[in-house]
């Protein structure tokens, strides 16, 4: 199926996402921060990059800026993952990047639906929800 890179400094989150996506038949690589992800992205392209926003070493916005400058097509394949929507700088970045966002905490069903919709080129926000409506979740677009 798809080749996906998961970038998150929390090992438990990386492993959870990896396990779910591998069960769904995807090939999944992992990186603990943006610098490691940048190295992985230099070696191979990915169908989707699921990237946390706040991380040590190199955060998501910095990684995204590097990729946007180097490979705009790859940059269009980002799904940002964050629980920090109240911060002005995070909110401003997410609006400017105009990439899909998966809000933490998320459910496995929400993760699967978002990834499936993005890989199929549909806006996840238009998909019918199979999980509770109160779940924090949004996905604006992917890719053009």
N, C-alpha and C. Protein backbone atom coordinates (compact mmCIF):
# COMPACT_ATOMS: atom_id res chain seq x y z
N UNK A 1 0.83 -1.18 0.00
CA UNK A 1 0.00 0.00 0.00
C UNK A 1 0.87 1.24 0.00
N UNK A 2 0.75 2.09 1.03
CA UNK A 2 1.47 3.36 1.05
C UNK A 2 2.72 3.27 1.90
N UNK A 3 3.66 4.14 1.59
CA UNK A 3 4.88 4.30 2.39
C UNK A 3 4.68 5.55 3.24
N UNK A 4 4.73 5.39 4.57
CA UNK A 4 4.40 6.47 5.50
C UNK A 4 5.55 6.68 6.48
N UNK A 5 5.86 7.94 6.74
CA UNK A 5 6.87 8.31 7.74
C UNK A 5 6.14 8.94 8.93
N UNK A 6 6.38 8.41 10.12
CA UNK A 6 5.79 8.93 11.35
C UNK A 6 6.89 9.65 12.13
N UNK A 7 6.66 10.94 12.40
CA UNK A 7 7.65 11.77 13.09
C UNK A 7 7.03 12.28 14.38
N UNK A 8 7.51 11.75 15.50
CA UNK A 8 6.98 12.17 16.81
C UNK A 8 8.03 11.86 17.86
N UNK A 9 8.21 12.76 18.81
CA UNK A 9 9.20 12.54 19.86
C UNK A 9 8.70 11.60 20.94
N UNK A 10 7.41 11.31 20.98
CA UNK A 10 6.88 10.37 21.96
C UNK A 10 6.88 8.96 21.38
N UNK A 11 7.74 8.11 21.94
CA UNK A 11 7.89 6.74 21.42
C UNK A 11 6.57 5.98 21.42
N UNK A 12 5.74 6.18 22.43
CA UNK A 12 4.46 5.46 22.51
C UNK A 12 3.54 5.85 21.36
N UNK A 13 3.52 7.12 21.03
CA UNK A 13 2.67 7.61 19.93
C UNK A 13 3.20 7.06 18.60
N UNK A 14 4.52 7.15 18.39
CA UNK A 14 5.12 6.61 17.16
C UNK A 14 4.76 5.14 16.99
N UNK A 15 4.93 4.38 18.06
CA UNK A 15 4.69 2.94 18.00
C UNK A 15 3.21 2.63 17.76
N UNK A 16 2.32 3.35 18.41
CA UNK A 16 0.89 3.15 18.20
C UNK A 16 0.53 3.40 16.73
N UNK A 17 0.96 4.52 16.21
CA UNK A 17 0.65 4.85 14.81
C UNK A 17 1.26 3.80 13.88
N UNK A 18 2.50 3.41 14.14
CA UNK A 18 3.17 2.40 13.31
C UNK A 18 2.38 1.10 13.29
N UNK A 19 2.00 0.62 14.48
CA UNK A 19 1.26 -0.65 14.55
C UNK A 19 -0.07 -0.59 13.81
N UNK A 20 -0.81 0.48 14.01
CA UNK A 20 -2.12 0.61 13.36
C UNK A 20 -1.95 0.63 11.84
N UNK A 21 -1.00 1.43 11.37
CA UNK A 21 -0.83 1.55 9.92
C UNK A 21 -0.24 0.30 9.29
N UNK A 22 0.60 -0.42 10.00
CA UNK A 22 1.13 -1.68 9.47
C UNK A 22 0.02 -2.73 9.39
N UNK A 23 -0.86 -2.77 10.37
CA UNK A 23 -2.01 -3.68 10.32
C UNK A 23 -2.84 -3.39 9.08
N UNK A 24 -2.93 -2.10 8.72
CA UNK A 24 -3.68 -1.69 7.54
C UNK A 24 -2.91 -1.92 6.24
N UNK A 25 -1.71 -2.49 6.34
CA UNK A 25 -0.96 -2.86 5.15
C UNK A 25 0.04 -1.85 4.65
N UNK A 26 0.30 -0.80 5.41
CA UNK A 26 1.24 0.23 4.98
C UNK A 26 2.67 -0.09 5.43
N UNK A 27 3.62 0.42 4.69
CA UNK A 27 5.03 0.36 5.07
C UNK A 27 5.31 1.62 5.89
N UNK A 28 5.81 1.46 7.12
CA UNK A 28 5.95 2.60 8.02
C UNK A 28 7.38 2.72 8.52
N UNK A 29 7.94 3.93 8.35
CA UNK A 29 9.22 4.28 8.95
C UNK A 29 8.95 5.28 10.06
N UNK A 30 9.89 5.39 11.01
CA UNK A 30 9.68 6.29 12.14
C UNK A 30 10.90 7.17 12.36
N UNK A 31 10.64 8.38 12.89
CA UNK A 31 11.70 9.31 13.27
C UNK A 31 11.29 10.00 14.56
N UNK A 32 12.26 10.22 15.45
CA UNK A 32 11.96 10.81 16.77
C UNK A 32 11.95 12.33 16.76
N UNK A 33 12.39 12.93 15.67
CA UNK A 33 12.40 14.39 15.56
C UNK A 33 12.61 14.78 14.10
N UNK A 34 12.49 16.06 13.84
CA UNK A 34 12.57 16.55 12.48
C UNK A 34 13.90 16.30 11.78
N UNK A 35 15.00 16.35 12.53
CA UNK A 35 16.30 16.13 11.90
C UNK A 35 16.41 14.69 11.38
N UNK A 36 15.94 13.74 12.15
CA UNK A 36 15.95 12.34 11.70
C UNK A 36 15.00 12.17 10.52
N UNK A 37 13.87 12.85 10.54
CA UNK A 37 12.93 12.78 9.43
C UNK A 37 13.52 13.39 8.16
N UNK A 38 14.23 14.48 8.32
CA UNK A 38 14.89 15.13 7.17
C UNK A 38 15.86 14.17 6.51
N UNK A 39 16.61 13.43 7.32
CA UNK A 39 17.54 12.43 6.78
C UNK A 39 16.78 11.33 6.04
N UNK A 40 15.68 10.87 6.61
CA UNK A 40 14.88 9.82 5.96
C UNK A 40 14.29 10.32 4.65
N UNK A 41 13.82 11.55 4.64
CA UNK A 41 13.21 12.13 3.44
C UNK A 41 14.25 12.40 2.34
N UNK A 42 15.50 12.50 2.71
CA UNK A 42 16.57 12.69 1.72
C UNK A 42 16.84 11.39 0.97
N UNK A 43 16.50 10.26 1.60
CA UNK A 43 16.76 8.95 1.02
C UNK A 43 15.62 8.46 0.13
N UNK A 44 14.38 8.73 0.54
CA UNK A 44 13.23 8.22 -0.21
C UNK A 44 12.01 9.12 -0.02
N UNK A 45 11.14 9.13 -1.00
CA UNK A 45 9.89 9.88 -0.86
C UNK A 45 8.87 9.05 -0.09
N UNK A 46 7.90 9.73 0.49
CA UNK A 46 6.83 9.08 1.23
C UNK A 46 5.49 9.52 0.68
N UNK A 47 4.52 8.61 0.74
CA UNK A 47 3.17 8.94 0.32
C UNK A 47 2.49 9.84 1.35
N UNK A 48 2.93 9.74 2.60
CA UNK A 48 2.37 10.55 3.67
C UNK A 48 3.42 10.69 4.77
N UNK A 49 3.52 11.90 5.35
CA UNK A 49 4.37 12.15 6.50
C UNK A 49 3.44 12.62 7.62
N UNK A 50 3.35 11.83 8.68
CA UNK A 50 2.56 12.21 9.85
C UNK A 50 3.54 12.82 10.84
N UNK A 51 3.39 14.12 11.08
CA UNK A 51 4.42 14.86 11.79
C UNK A 51 3.87 15.63 12.98
N UNK A 52 4.43 15.37 14.16
CA UNK A 52 4.11 16.15 15.34
C UNK A 52 4.61 17.57 15.14
N UNK A 53 3.99 18.53 15.79
CA UNK A 53 4.41 19.92 15.64
C UNK A 53 5.53 20.26 16.61
N UNK A 54 5.36 19.95 17.87
CA UNK A 54 6.37 20.31 18.88
C UNK A 54 7.24 19.10 19.20
N UNK A 55 8.55 19.25 18.89
CA UNK A 55 9.54 18.18 19.15
C UNK A 55 10.88 18.83 19.45
N UNK A 56 11.74 18.15 20.21
CA UNK A 56 13.10 18.65 20.40
C UNK A 56 13.93 18.43 19.13
N UNK A 57 15.11 18.94 19.13
CA UNK A 57 16.10 18.84 18.05
C UNK A 57 15.64 19.64 16.83
N UNK A 58 14.56 19.22 16.17
CA UNK A 58 13.96 19.98 15.08
C UNK A 58 12.46 19.75 15.13
N UNK A 59 11.71 20.84 15.23
CA UNK A 59 10.26 20.72 15.34
C UNK A 59 9.61 20.54 13.97
N UNK A 60 8.31 20.27 13.99
CA UNK A 60 7.56 20.05 12.75
C UNK A 60 7.58 21.22 11.79
N UNK A 61 7.35 22.46 12.27
CA UNK A 61 7.38 23.60 11.35
C UNK A 61 8.74 23.78 10.66
N UNK A 62 9.82 23.53 11.39
CA UNK A 62 11.15 23.67 10.78
C UNK A 62 11.37 22.58 9.74
N UNK A 63 11.00 21.35 10.07
CA UNK A 63 11.08 20.26 9.10
C UNK A 63 10.27 20.59 7.85
N UNK A 64 9.04 21.03 8.06
CA UNK A 64 8.15 21.36 6.94
C UNK A 64 8.76 22.45 6.06
N UNK A 65 9.36 23.47 6.67
CA UNK A 65 9.99 24.56 5.91
C UNK A 65 11.12 24.03 5.04
N UNK A 66 11.94 23.14 5.59
CA UNK A 66 13.03 22.53 4.81
C UNK A 66 12.47 21.74 3.62
N UNK A 67 11.45 20.94 3.86
CA UNK A 67 10.89 20.11 2.80
C UNK A 67 10.15 20.97 1.77
N UNK A 68 9.44 21.97 2.23
CA UNK A 68 8.73 22.87 1.31
C UNK A 68 9.71 23.55 0.36
N UNK A 69 10.85 23.94 0.88
CA UNK A 69 11.89 24.59 0.07
C UNK A 69 12.52 23.61 -0.92
N UNK A 70 12.72 22.38 -0.50
CA UNK A 70 13.41 21.38 -1.31
C UNK A 70 12.49 20.60 -2.24
N UNK A 71 11.27 20.27 -1.77
CA UNK A 71 10.38 19.40 -2.54
C UNK A 71 8.92 19.72 -2.21
N UNK A 72 8.33 20.71 -2.90
CA UNK A 72 6.95 21.12 -2.61
C UNK A 72 5.94 19.98 -2.75
N UNK A 73 6.18 19.03 -3.64
CA UNK A 73 5.25 17.90 -3.77
C UNK A 73 5.27 17.07 -2.49
N UNK A 74 6.46 16.77 -1.97
CA UNK A 74 6.56 16.01 -0.71
C UNK A 74 5.93 16.82 0.42
N UNK A 75 6.12 18.13 0.43
CA UNK A 75 5.55 18.98 1.48
C UNK A 75 4.02 18.93 1.45
N UNK A 76 3.44 18.68 0.30
CA UNK A 76 1.97 18.61 0.21
C UNK A 76 1.43 17.30 0.78
N UNK A 77 2.31 16.42 1.20
CA UNK A 77 1.91 15.12 1.73
C UNK A 77 2.12 15.02 3.24
N UNK A 78 1.96 16.13 3.93
CA UNK A 78 2.11 16.17 5.38
C UNK A 78 0.75 16.14 6.07
N UNK A 79 0.70 15.42 7.17
CA UNK A 79 -0.42 15.43 8.10
C UNK A 79 0.18 15.81 9.45
N UNK A 80 -0.17 16.98 9.95
CA UNK A 80 0.37 17.41 11.23
C UNK A 80 -0.49 16.85 12.36
N UNK A 81 0.17 16.53 13.45
CA UNK A 81 -0.46 15.93 14.61
C UNK A 81 -0.07 16.76 15.83
N UNK A 82 -1.06 17.30 16.53
CA UNK A 82 -0.75 18.14 17.68
C UNK A 82 -1.89 18.17 18.68
N UNK A 83 -1.55 18.43 19.90
CA UNK A 83 -2.53 18.67 20.94
C UNK A 83 -2.50 20.13 21.36
N UNK A 84 -1.61 20.89 20.76
CA UNK A 84 -1.39 22.29 21.12
C UNK A 84 -2.06 23.22 20.11
N UNK A 85 -3.37 23.39 20.26
CA UNK A 85 -4.06 24.28 19.33
C UNK A 85 -4.31 25.65 19.92
N UNK A 86 -4.01 25.83 21.21
CA UNK A 86 -4.25 27.11 21.85
C UNK A 86 -3.08 28.08 21.67
N UNK A 87 -1.92 27.56 21.35
CA UNK A 87 -0.75 28.39 21.16
C UNK A 87 -0.89 29.20 19.87
N UNK A 88 -0.63 30.49 19.96
CA UNK A 88 -0.75 31.37 18.80
C UNK A 88 0.22 30.97 17.70
N UNK A 89 1.47 30.63 18.08
CA UNK A 89 2.45 30.28 17.05
C UNK A 89 2.10 28.97 16.34
N UNK A 90 1.58 28.00 17.07
CA UNK A 90 1.17 26.74 16.44
C UNK A 90 -0.04 26.98 15.54
N UNK A 91 -1.02 27.69 16.04
CA UNK A 91 -2.20 28.00 15.24
C UNK A 91 -1.85 28.77 13.98
N UNK A 92 -0.96 29.74 14.09
CA UNK A 92 -0.54 30.52 12.92
C UNK A 92 0.18 29.64 11.92
N UNK A 93 1.06 28.76 12.42
CA UNK A 93 1.76 27.85 11.51
C UNK A 93 0.78 26.95 10.77
N UNK A 94 -0.14 26.34 11.51
CA UNK A 94 -1.08 25.41 10.88
C UNK A 94 -1.95 26.11 9.84
N UNK A 95 -2.36 27.32 10.12
CA UNK A 95 -3.14 28.08 9.13
C UNK A 95 -2.29 28.39 7.89
N UNK A 96 -1.06 28.81 8.10
CA UNK A 96 -0.19 29.16 6.98
C UNK A 96 0.18 27.93 6.16
N UNK A 97 0.44 26.81 6.82
CA UNK A 97 0.84 25.59 6.11
C UNK A 97 -0.32 25.03 5.30
N UNK A 98 -1.55 25.20 5.77
CA UNK A 98 -2.75 24.72 5.09
C UNK A 98 -2.66 23.24 4.76
N UNK A 99 -2.16 22.47 5.73
CA UNK A 99 -2.08 21.02 5.62
C UNK A 99 -3.06 20.40 6.61
N UNK A 100 -3.45 19.15 6.41
CA UNK A 100 -4.37 18.50 7.35
C UNK A 100 -3.77 18.39 8.74
N UNK A 101 -4.66 18.35 9.73
CA UNK A 101 -4.25 18.28 11.13
C UNK A 101 -5.06 17.19 11.82
N UNK A 102 -4.38 16.31 12.52
CA UNK A 102 -5.01 15.30 13.36
C UNK A 102 -4.77 15.73 14.80
N UNK A 103 -5.85 16.04 15.50
CA UNK A 103 -5.73 16.56 16.86
C UNK A 103 -5.50 15.43 17.86
N UNK A 104 -4.57 15.66 18.78
CA UNK A 104 -4.35 14.75 19.90
C UNK A 104 -5.25 15.18 21.03
N UNK A 105 -5.83 14.30 21.77
CA UNK A 105 -5.76 12.86 21.57
C UNK A 105 -6.68 12.44 20.43
N UNK A 106 -6.25 11.44 19.69
CA UNK A 106 -7.05 10.92 18.59
C UNK A 106 -7.40 9.47 18.87
N UNK A 107 -8.39 8.97 18.18
CA UNK A 107 -8.73 7.56 18.32
C UNK A 107 -8.09 6.80 17.16
N UNK A 108 -7.99 5.49 17.32
CA UNK A 108 -7.49 4.65 16.23
C UNK A 108 -8.40 4.80 15.01
N UNK A 109 -9.70 4.84 15.24
CA UNK A 109 -10.64 5.01 14.12
C UNK A 109 -10.42 6.35 13.42
N UNK A 110 -10.18 7.39 14.20
CA UNK A 110 -9.92 8.71 13.60
C UNK A 110 -8.64 8.73 12.81
N UNK A 111 -7.59 8.08 13.34
CA UNK A 111 -6.32 7.98 12.62
C UNK A 111 -6.52 7.24 11.31
N UNK A 112 -7.16 6.08 11.38
CA UNK A 112 -7.37 5.28 10.16
C UNK A 112 -8.18 6.03 9.12
N UNK A 113 -9.24 6.66 9.53
CA UNK A 113 -10.09 7.38 8.59
C UNK A 113 -9.34 8.54 7.94
N UNK A 114 -8.58 9.27 8.74
CA UNK A 114 -7.82 10.40 8.21
C UNK A 114 -6.79 9.93 7.20
N UNK A 115 -6.02 8.92 7.56
CA UNK A 115 -4.98 8.40 6.64
C UNK A 115 -5.62 7.86 5.37
N UNK A 116 -6.66 7.08 5.50
CA UNK A 116 -7.35 6.52 4.33
C UNK A 116 -7.84 7.64 3.41
N UNK A 117 -8.47 8.66 3.98
CA UNK A 117 -9.00 9.76 3.18
C UNK A 117 -7.88 10.53 2.48
N UNK A 118 -6.79 10.78 3.20
CA UNK A 118 -5.68 11.54 2.60
C UNK A 118 -4.99 10.75 1.49
N UNK A 119 -4.81 9.47 1.71
CA UNK A 119 -4.16 8.65 0.68
C UNK A 119 -5.06 8.48 -0.55
N UNK A 120 -6.36 8.58 -0.34
CA UNK A 120 -7.29 8.50 -1.46
C UNK A 120 -7.55 9.85 -2.10
N UNK A 121 -6.89 10.89 -1.60
CA UNK A 121 -7.01 12.21 -2.19
C UNK A 121 -8.27 12.96 -1.81
N UNK A 122 -9.01 12.46 -0.82
CA UNK A 122 -10.24 13.13 -0.40
C UNK A 122 -9.97 13.96 0.85
N UNK A 123 -10.79 14.93 1.08
CA UNK A 123 -10.72 15.71 2.30
C UNK A 123 -11.38 14.91 3.41
N UNK A 124 -10.63 14.61 4.44
CA UNK A 124 -11.17 13.81 5.54
C UNK A 124 -12.32 14.51 6.24
N UNK A 125 -12.35 15.82 6.18
CA UNK A 125 -13.43 16.53 6.85
C UNK A 125 -14.77 16.27 6.17
N UNK A 126 -14.76 15.76 4.94
CA UNK A 126 -16.00 15.48 4.22
C UNK A 126 -16.43 14.02 4.39
N UNK A 127 -15.61 13.22 5.02
CA UNK A 127 -15.93 11.80 5.18
C UNK A 127 -16.91 11.61 6.34
N UNK A 128 -17.76 10.61 6.24
CA UNK A 128 -18.69 10.28 7.31
C UNK A 128 -17.91 9.74 8.50
N UNK A 129 -18.24 10.22 9.69
CA UNK A 129 -17.55 9.79 10.90
C UNK A 129 -18.16 8.51 11.43
N UNK A 130 -17.30 7.58 11.84
CA UNK A 130 -17.73 6.32 12.43
C UNK A 130 -17.43 6.31 13.93
N UNK A 131 -17.03 7.44 14.48
CA UNK A 131 -16.64 7.52 15.88
C UNK A 131 -17.29 8.75 16.48
N UNK A 132 -17.23 8.93 17.80
CA UNK A 132 -17.95 10.01 18.46
C UNK A 132 -17.63 11.39 17.89
N UNK A 133 -18.68 12.20 17.73
CA UNK A 133 -18.54 13.53 17.14
C UNK A 133 -17.70 14.46 17.99
N UNK A 134 -17.57 14.20 19.28
CA UNK A 134 -16.80 15.09 20.13
C UNK A 134 -15.30 14.88 19.99
N UNK A 135 -14.87 13.88 19.24
CA UNK A 135 -13.44 13.65 19.09
C UNK A 135 -12.76 14.82 18.42
N UNK A 136 -11.66 15.34 18.98
CA UNK A 136 -10.93 16.41 18.31
C UNK A 136 -10.32 15.87 17.03
N UNK A 137 -10.64 16.48 15.92
CA UNK A 137 -10.21 15.92 14.64
C UNK A 137 -10.46 16.91 13.53
N UNK A 138 -9.52 17.06 12.66
CA UNK A 138 -9.73 17.90 11.48
C UNK A 138 -8.72 17.51 10.43
N UNK A 139 -9.09 17.58 9.20
CA UNK A 139 -8.15 17.39 8.10
C UNK A 139 -8.62 18.29 6.96
N UNK A 140 -7.81 19.25 6.61
CA UNK A 140 -8.27 20.25 5.65
C UNK A 140 -8.10 19.81 4.19
N UNK A 141 -6.95 19.24 3.83
CA UNK A 141 -6.77 18.84 2.44
C UNK A 141 -5.52 17.98 2.30
N UNK A 142 -5.41 17.29 1.17
CA UNK A 142 -4.23 16.49 0.86
C UNK A 142 -4.37 15.87 -0.48
N UNK A 143 -3.31 15.63 -1.13
CA UNK A 143 -2.57 16.68 -1.81
C UNK A 143 -3.36 17.15 -3.03
N UNK A 144 -2.91 18.17 -3.63
CA UNK A 144 -3.61 18.70 -4.81
C UNK A 144 -3.43 17.79 -6.00
